[in-house]
Amino acid sequence: MRHAMIRIGLLMAFGYSARAGETLSPEKVLPLHEDRDAYTPCAAKVGDAYIVAWQSGRLAPGDLREGFRFKGDIVGCRVDKSGNVLDAAPFAICEAGDLQERPRAAAGRDVALVVWHDLRNGKDWDVY
């Protein structure tokens, strides 16, 4: 199984620094979504776990001589406090046509909010 180049070090990512004699969780590599490159990860704590979201892909397959076509989705997975992935594969948060990028996540006690830039209208960026 190929893995995305999104490495997580949960304690360090959330501004935690180790005390003397304390061991941090080792880095983990998250799985790919549809065998595409991964960009701009973000994370938020939800209950006893984290939601990690990222942009999956950028350029769509095709001949660049005919112009650029984009295909970038927003995907995510749940990760426990030890860094273990809780989902068998990343799940789609948004798979609209064209390009979605730069996700950001925030969370409350048991719900997460993920927002991103979206180019589905083909002419300018919107926030979803």
N, C-alpha and C. Protein backbone atom coordinates (compact mmCIF):
# COMPACT_ATOMS: atom_id res chain seq x y z
N MET A 1 0.83 -1.17 0.00
CA MET A 1 0.00 0.00 0.00
C MET A 1 0.89 1.25 0.00
N ARG A 2 0.68 2.14 -0.96
CA ARG A 2 1.40 3.41 -0.99
C ARG A 2 0.84 4.35 0.06
N HIS A 3 1.64 5.23 0.59
CA HIS A 3 1.17 6.16 1.61
C HIS A 3 1.43 7.60 1.19
N ALA A 4 0.55 8.48 1.60
CA ALA A 4 0.72 9.90 1.34
C ALA A 4 1.92 10.41 2.10
N MET A 5 2.46 11.48 1.63
CA MET A 5 3.58 12.08 2.33
C MET A 5 3.07 13.06 3.38
N ILE A 6 2.04 12.66 4.07
CA ILE A 6 1.56 13.43 5.21
C ILE A 6 1.98 12.63 6.43
N ARG A 7 2.91 13.18 7.16
CA ARG A 7 3.37 12.55 8.38
C ARG A 7 2.74 13.29 9.54
N ILE A 8 2.32 12.54 10.53
CA ILE A 8 1.74 13.20 11.68
C ILE A 8 2.56 12.91 12.91
N GLY A 9 2.79 13.90 13.68
CA GLY A 9 3.41 13.81 14.99
C GLY A 9 2.46 14.57 15.89
N LEU A 10 1.44 13.92 16.36
CA LEU A 10 0.31 14.59 16.99
C LEU A 10 0.69 15.53 18.12
N LEU A 11 1.53 15.11 19.02
CA LEU A 11 1.81 15.96 20.16
C LEU A 11 2.53 17.24 19.73
N MET A 12 3.47 17.13 18.82
CA MET A 12 4.19 18.31 18.37
C MET A 12 3.29 19.20 17.50
N ALA A 13 2.42 18.61 16.71
CA ALA A 13 1.55 19.39 15.84
C ALA A 13 0.60 20.28 16.62
N PHE A 14 0.29 19.92 17.84
CA PHE A 14 -0.66 20.69 18.62
C PHE A 14 0.03 21.51 19.70
N GLY A 15 1.30 21.83 19.48
CA GLY A 15 2.01 22.74 20.37
C GLY A 15 2.43 22.13 21.70
N TYR A 16 2.51 20.82 21.78
CA TYR A 16 2.90 20.15 23.01
C TYR A 16 4.40 19.92 22.98
N SER A 17 5.08 20.21 24.03
CA SER A 17 6.51 19.88 24.10
C SER A 17 6.72 18.87 25.23
N ALA A 18 7.62 17.95 25.00
CA ALA A 18 7.87 16.87 25.96
C ALA A 18 8.55 17.39 27.21
N ARG A 19 8.20 16.80 28.32
CA ARG A 19 8.89 17.07 29.57
C ARG A 19 10.06 16.09 29.68
N ALA A 20 10.98 16.35 30.56
CA ALA A 20 12.15 15.49 30.74
C ALA A 20 11.71 14.05 30.99
N GLY A 21 12.27 13.11 30.24
CA GLY A 21 11.99 11.70 30.41
C GLY A 21 10.71 11.23 29.74
N GLU A 22 9.97 12.12 29.10
CA GLU A 22 8.70 11.75 28.46
C GLU A 22 8.95 11.43 26.99
N THR A 23 8.29 10.41 26.47
CA THR A 23 8.45 10.01 25.08
C THR A 23 7.23 10.45 24.28
N LEU A 24 7.47 11.06 23.13
CA LEU A 24 6.39 11.46 22.24
C LEU A 24 6.02 10.30 21.32
N SER A 25 4.79 10.31 20.80
CA SER A 25 4.38 9.30 19.84
C SER A 25 5.25 9.40 18.59
N PRO A 26 5.60 8.27 17.99
CA PRO A 26 6.39 8.33 16.75
C PRO A 26 5.54 8.88 15.61
N GLU A 27 6.22 9.42 14.60
CA GLU A 27 5.51 9.90 13.41
C GLU A 27 4.82 8.73 12.73
N LYS A 28 3.71 9.03 12.09
CA LYS A 28 2.99 8.03 11.30
C LYS A 28 2.75 8.62 9.92
N VAL A 29 2.62 7.76 8.92
CA VAL A 29 2.32 8.19 7.56
C VAL A 29 0.88 7.79 7.26
N LEU A 30 0.08 8.74 6.77
CA LEU A 30 -1.32 8.48 6.47
C LEU A 30 -1.48 7.86 5.09
N PRO A 31 -2.55 7.08 4.88
CA PRO A 31 -2.76 6.44 3.58
C PRO A 31 -3.18 7.46 2.51
N LEU A 32 -2.88 7.13 1.26
CA LEU A 32 -3.28 7.96 0.12
C LEU A 32 -4.77 7.83 -0.15
N HIS A 33 -5.30 8.83 -0.80
CA HIS A 33 -6.67 8.79 -1.32
C HIS A 33 -6.56 8.68 -2.83
N GLU A 34 -7.07 7.61 -3.40
CA GLU A 34 -7.07 7.37 -4.85
C GLU A 34 -5.68 7.51 -5.48
N ASP A 35 -4.63 7.15 -4.75
CA ASP A 35 -3.26 7.14 -5.26
C ASP A 35 -2.79 8.51 -5.76
N ARG A 36 -3.30 9.58 -5.14
CA ARG A 36 -2.92 10.94 -5.53
C ARG A 36 -2.02 11.59 -4.48
N ASP A 37 -1.25 12.57 -4.93
CA ASP A 37 -0.41 13.33 -4.01
C ASP A 37 -1.26 14.04 -2.97
N ALA A 38 -0.67 14.35 -1.83
CA ALA A 38 -1.38 15.00 -0.73
C ALA A 38 -0.75 16.36 -0.45
N TYR A 39 -1.60 17.35 -0.18
CA TYR A 39 -1.15 18.72 0.06
C TYR A 39 -1.89 19.32 1.26
N THR A 40 -1.28 20.31 1.86
CA THR A 40 -1.84 21.19 2.89
C THR A 40 -2.69 20.49 3.96
N PRO A 41 -2.09 19.66 4.77
CA PRO A 41 -2.86 18.98 5.81
C PRO A 41 -3.23 19.94 6.94
N CYS A 42 -4.30 19.59 7.63
CA CYS A 42 -4.71 20.32 8.84
C CYS A 42 -5.33 19.29 9.78
N ALA A 43 -5.47 19.65 11.04
CA ALA A 43 -6.01 18.70 12.02
C ALA A 43 -6.75 19.46 13.11
N ALA A 44 -7.70 18.76 13.72
CA ALA A 44 -8.43 19.30 14.87
C ALA A 44 -8.82 18.14 15.78
N LYS A 45 -8.83 18.39 17.08
CA LYS A 45 -9.19 17.36 18.06
C LYS A 45 -10.70 17.28 18.20
N VAL A 46 -11.24 16.07 18.05
CA VAL A 46 -12.68 15.82 18.18
C VAL A 46 -12.86 14.70 19.20
N GLY A 47 -13.35 15.02 20.38
CA GLY A 47 -13.49 14.01 21.42
C GLY A 47 -12.13 13.44 21.79
N ASP A 48 -12.01 12.11 21.72
CA ASP A 48 -10.74 11.45 22.05
C ASP A 48 -9.87 11.19 20.83
N ALA A 49 -10.26 11.71 19.67
CA ALA A 49 -9.50 11.47 18.44
C ALA A 49 -9.25 12.81 17.74
N TYR A 50 -8.67 12.73 16.56
CA TYR A 50 -8.41 13.89 15.73
C TYR A 50 -8.98 13.64 14.36
N ILE A 51 -9.39 14.73 13.69
CA ILE A 51 -9.71 14.64 12.27
C ILE A 51 -8.54 15.30 11.56
N VAL A 52 -7.98 14.61 10.59
CA VAL A 52 -6.91 15.15 9.77
C VAL A 52 -7.48 15.26 8.36
N ALA A 53 -7.40 16.45 7.78
CA ALA A 53 -7.94 16.68 6.43
C ALA A 53 -6.81 17.21 5.55
N TRP A 54 -6.91 16.94 4.23
CA TRP A 54 -5.90 17.43 3.30
C TRP A 54 -6.48 17.48 1.90
N GLN A 55 -5.74 18.15 1.01
CA GLN A 55 -6.09 18.20 -0.41
C GLN A 55 -5.50 16.98 -1.07
N SER A 56 -6.31 16.23 -1.80
CA SER A 56 -5.87 15.03 -2.50
C SER A 56 -5.84 15.32 -4.00
N GLY A 57 -4.64 15.43 -4.55
CA GLY A 57 -4.48 15.68 -5.98
C GLY A 57 -4.48 17.16 -6.32
N ARG A 58 -4.12 17.45 -7.57
CA ARG A 58 -4.11 18.83 -8.05
C ARG A 58 -4.43 18.86 -9.54
N LEU A 59 -3.57 18.28 -10.35
CA LEU A 59 -3.82 18.27 -11.80
C LEU A 59 -4.55 17.00 -12.19
N ALA A 60 -5.55 17.14 -13.06
CA ALA A 60 -6.28 15.97 -13.57
C ALA A 60 -5.47 15.35 -14.70
N PRO A 61 -5.67 14.06 -14.94
CA PRO A 61 -4.99 13.43 -16.07
C PRO A 61 -5.39 14.09 -17.38
N GLY A 62 -4.49 14.09 -18.32
CA GLY A 62 -4.79 14.66 -19.64
C GLY A 62 -3.55 15.25 -20.28
N ASP A 63 -3.72 15.75 -21.48
CA ASP A 63 -2.63 16.33 -22.26
C ASP A 63 -2.51 17.80 -21.92
N LEU A 64 -1.38 18.20 -21.33
CA LEU A 64 -1.18 19.60 -20.93
C LEU A 64 -1.15 20.55 -22.13
N ARG A 65 -0.91 20.04 -23.33
CA ARG A 65 -0.94 20.90 -24.52
C ARG A 65 -2.36 21.40 -24.78
N GLU A 66 -3.34 20.73 -24.21
CA GLU A 66 -4.75 21.14 -24.36
C GLU A 66 -5.20 22.02 -23.20
N GLY A 67 -4.29 22.37 -22.33
CA GLY A 67 -4.62 23.23 -21.20
C GLY A 67 -4.68 22.44 -19.90
N PHE A 68 -4.61 23.18 -18.81
CA PHE A 68 -4.65 22.56 -17.49
C PHE A 68 -6.07 22.15 -17.13
N ARG A 69 -6.19 20.98 -16.55
CA ARG A 69 -7.45 20.53 -15.94
C ARG A 69 -7.10 20.14 -14.52
N PHE A 70 -7.97 20.51 -13.61
CA PHE A 70 -7.69 20.28 -12.19
C PHE A 70 -8.62 19.25 -11.60
N LYS A 71 -8.10 18.51 -10.65
CA LYS A 71 -8.90 17.57 -9.87
C LYS A 71 -8.25 17.46 -8.50
N GLY A 72 -8.74 18.25 -7.58
CA GLY A 72 -8.23 18.23 -6.22
C GLY A 72 -9.40 18.13 -5.27
N ASP A 73 -9.45 17.09 -4.49
CA ASP A 73 -10.53 16.87 -3.54
C ASP A 73 -10.06 17.14 -2.12
N ILE A 74 -11.00 17.35 -1.23
CA ILE A 74 -10.69 17.46 0.19
C ILE A 74 -11.09 16.14 0.84
N VAL A 75 -10.14 15.51 1.49
CA VAL A 75 -10.38 14.20 2.12
C VAL A 75 -9.89 14.25 3.57
N GLY A 76 -10.22 13.22 4.33
CA GLY A 76 -9.78 13.18 5.71
C GLY A 76 -9.80 11.78 6.28
N CYS A 77 -9.28 11.66 7.47
CA CYS A 77 -9.38 10.42 8.22
C CYS A 77 -9.31 10.76 9.71
N ARG A 78 -9.76 9.82 10.50
CA ARG A 78 -9.70 9.98 11.96
C ARG A 78 -8.45 9.29 12.47
N VAL A 79 -7.83 9.91 13.46
CA VAL A 79 -6.59 9.39 14.03
C VAL A 79 -6.71 9.42 15.55
N ASP A 80 -6.30 8.34 16.22
CA ASP A 80 -6.39 8.35 17.69
C ASP A 80 -5.21 9.10 18.29
N LYS A 81 -5.21 9.27 19.60
CA LYS A 81 -4.17 10.08 20.24
C LYS A 81 -2.79 9.45 20.17
N SER A 82 -2.69 8.18 19.79
CA SER A 82 -1.39 7.54 19.59
C SER A 82 -0.91 7.66 18.15
N GLY A 83 -1.74 8.26 17.29
CA GLY A 83 -1.37 8.42 15.89
C GLY A 83 -1.83 7.30 14.99
N ASN A 84 -2.62 6.35 15.51
CA ASN A 84 -3.11 5.25 14.69
C ASN A 84 -4.33 5.69 13.89
N VAL A 85 -4.34 5.37 12.60
CA VAL A 85 -5.45 5.74 11.73
C VAL A 85 -6.65 4.85 12.07
N LEU A 86 -7.82 5.47 12.26
CA LEU A 86 -9.02 4.74 12.66
C LEU A 86 -9.90 4.34 11.48
N ASP A 87 -9.63 4.86 10.30
CA ASP A 87 -10.43 4.54 9.12
C ASP A 87 -9.60 3.70 8.16
N ALA A 88 -10.23 2.72 7.50
CA ALA A 88 -9.50 1.84 6.58
C ALA A 88 -8.91 2.62 5.41
N ALA A 89 -9.58 3.68 5.01
CA ALA A 89 -9.11 4.54 3.91
C ALA A 89 -9.61 5.95 4.18
N PRO A 90 -8.94 6.96 3.63
CA PRO A 90 -9.44 8.31 3.79
C PRO A 90 -10.85 8.44 3.20
N PHE A 91 -11.68 9.27 3.82
CA PHE A 91 -13.04 9.49 3.31
C PHE A 91 -13.10 10.86 2.64
N ALA A 92 -13.99 10.98 1.65
CA ALA A 92 -14.16 12.23 0.92
C ALA A 92 -14.96 13.22 1.76
N ILE A 93 -14.44 14.43 1.87
CA ILE A 93 -15.18 15.53 2.47
C ILE A 93 -15.83 16.34 1.36
N CYS A 94 -15.10 16.53 0.25
CA CYS A 94 -15.66 17.19 -0.93
C CYS A 94 -14.98 16.63 -2.18
N GLU A 95 -15.80 16.13 -3.12
CA GLU A 95 -15.30 15.63 -4.40
C GLU A 95 -15.95 16.37 -5.56
N ALA A 96 -16.25 17.65 -5.38
CA ALA A 96 -16.87 18.44 -6.45
C ALA A 96 -15.92 18.54 -7.63
N GLY A 97 -16.44 18.90 -8.78
CA GLY A 97 -15.60 19.06 -9.96
C GLY A 97 -14.59 20.18 -9.78
N ASP A 98 -13.54 20.15 -10.55
CA ASP A 98 -12.48 21.14 -10.57
C ASP A 98 -11.59 21.03 -9.34
N LEU A 99 -11.26 22.12 -8.69
CA LEU A 99 -10.21 22.11 -7.67
C LEU A 99 -10.70 22.63 -6.33
N GLN A 100 -10.42 21.88 -5.30
CA GLN A 100 -10.63 22.32 -3.92
C GLN A 100 -9.26 22.26 -3.26
N GLU A 101 -8.92 23.28 -2.46
CA GLU A 101 -7.61 23.29 -1.85
C GLU A 101 -7.61 24.05 -0.53
N ARG A 102 -6.49 23.95 0.19
CA ARG A 102 -6.21 24.65 1.44
C ARG A 102 -7.25 24.42 2.53
N PRO A 103 -7.49 23.17 2.90
CA PRO A 103 -8.45 22.92 3.98
C PRO A 103 -7.95 23.43 5.32
N ARG A 104 -8.88 23.77 6.18
CA ARG A 104 -8.62 24.14 7.57
C ARG A 104 -9.68 23.46 8.42
N ALA A 105 -9.30 23.01 9.59
CA ALA A 105 -10.23 22.28 10.46
C ALA A 105 -10.32 22.94 11.83
N ALA A 106 -11.50 22.88 12.39
CA ALA A 106 -11.76 23.32 13.76
C ALA A 106 -12.73 22.32 14.36
N ALA A 107 -12.74 22.20 15.67
CA ALA A 107 -13.61 21.19 16.27
C ALA A 107 -14.16 21.66 17.60
N GLY A 108 -15.30 21.09 17.93
CA GLY A 108 -15.89 21.24 19.24
C GLY A 108 -15.75 19.90 19.95
N ARG A 109 -16.59 19.66 20.92
CA ARG A 109 -16.48 18.43 21.71
C ARG A 109 -16.64 17.17 20.86
N ASP A 110 -17.63 17.15 19.98
CA ASP A 110 -17.87 15.92 19.20
C ASP A 110 -18.22 16.20 17.74
N VAL A 111 -17.81 17.35 17.22
CA VAL A 111 -18.09 17.69 15.83
C VAL A 111 -16.90 18.48 15.27
N ALA A 112 -16.65 18.29 13.98
CA ALA A 112 -15.56 19.02 13.32
C ALA A 112 -16.13 19.85 12.17
N LEU A 113 -15.47 20.96 11.89
CA LEU A 113 -15.81 21.83 10.77
C LEU A 113 -14.57 21.91 9.90
N VAL A 114 -14.72 21.61 8.60
CA VAL A 114 -13.62 21.72 7.66
C VAL A 114 -14.06 22.71 6.59
N VAL A 115 -13.24 23.71 6.31
CA VAL A 115 -13.51 24.70 5.26
C VAL A 115 -12.37 24.66 4.27
N TRP A 116 -12.60 25.14 3.03
CA TRP A 116 -11.57 25.10 2.01
C TRP A 116 -11.88 26.13 0.92
N HIS A 117 -10.85 26.43 0.07
CA HIS A 117 -11.02 27.22 -1.15
C HIS A 117 -11.58 26.29 -2.21
N ASP A 118 -12.49 26.79 -3.03
CA ASP A 118 -13.16 25.94 -4.01
C ASP A 118 -13.29 26.69 -5.34
N LEU A 119 -12.88 26.05 -6.44
CA LEU A 119 -12.92 26.65 -7.77
C LEU A 119 -13.97 26.00 -8.66
N ARG A 120 -14.98 25.37 -8.09
CA ARG A 120 -15.94 24.62 -8.91
C ARG A 120 -16.72 25.50 -9.88
N ASN A 121 -16.83 26.80 -9.61
CA ASN A 121 -17.55 27.66 -10.57
C ASN A 121 -16.68 28.00 -11.78
N GLY A 122 -15.39 27.65 -11.76
CA GLY A 122 -14.51 27.80 -12.92
C GLY A 122 -13.98 29.19 -13.17
N LYS A 123 -14.35 30.18 -12.35
CA LYS A 123 -13.86 31.53 -12.63
C LYS A 123 -13.23 32.22 -11.42
N ASP A 124 -13.63 31.90 -10.21
CA ASP A 124 -13.01 32.50 -9.04
C ASP A 124 -13.20 31.59 -7.83
N TRP A 125 -12.46 31.90 -6.77
CA TRP A 125 -12.46 31.06 -5.58
C TRP A 125 -13.62 31.40 -4.65
N ASP A 126 -14.22 30.39 -4.08
CA ASP A 126 -15.24 30.54 -3.05
C ASP A 126 -14.78 29.75 -1.82
N VAL A 127 -15.35 30.04 -0.68
CA VAL A 127 -15.07 29.28 0.54
C VAL A 127 -16.26 28.40 0.83
N TYR A 128 -16.02 27.12 1.00
CA TYR A 128 -17.06 26.14 1.35
C TYR A 128 -16.76 25.58 2.71
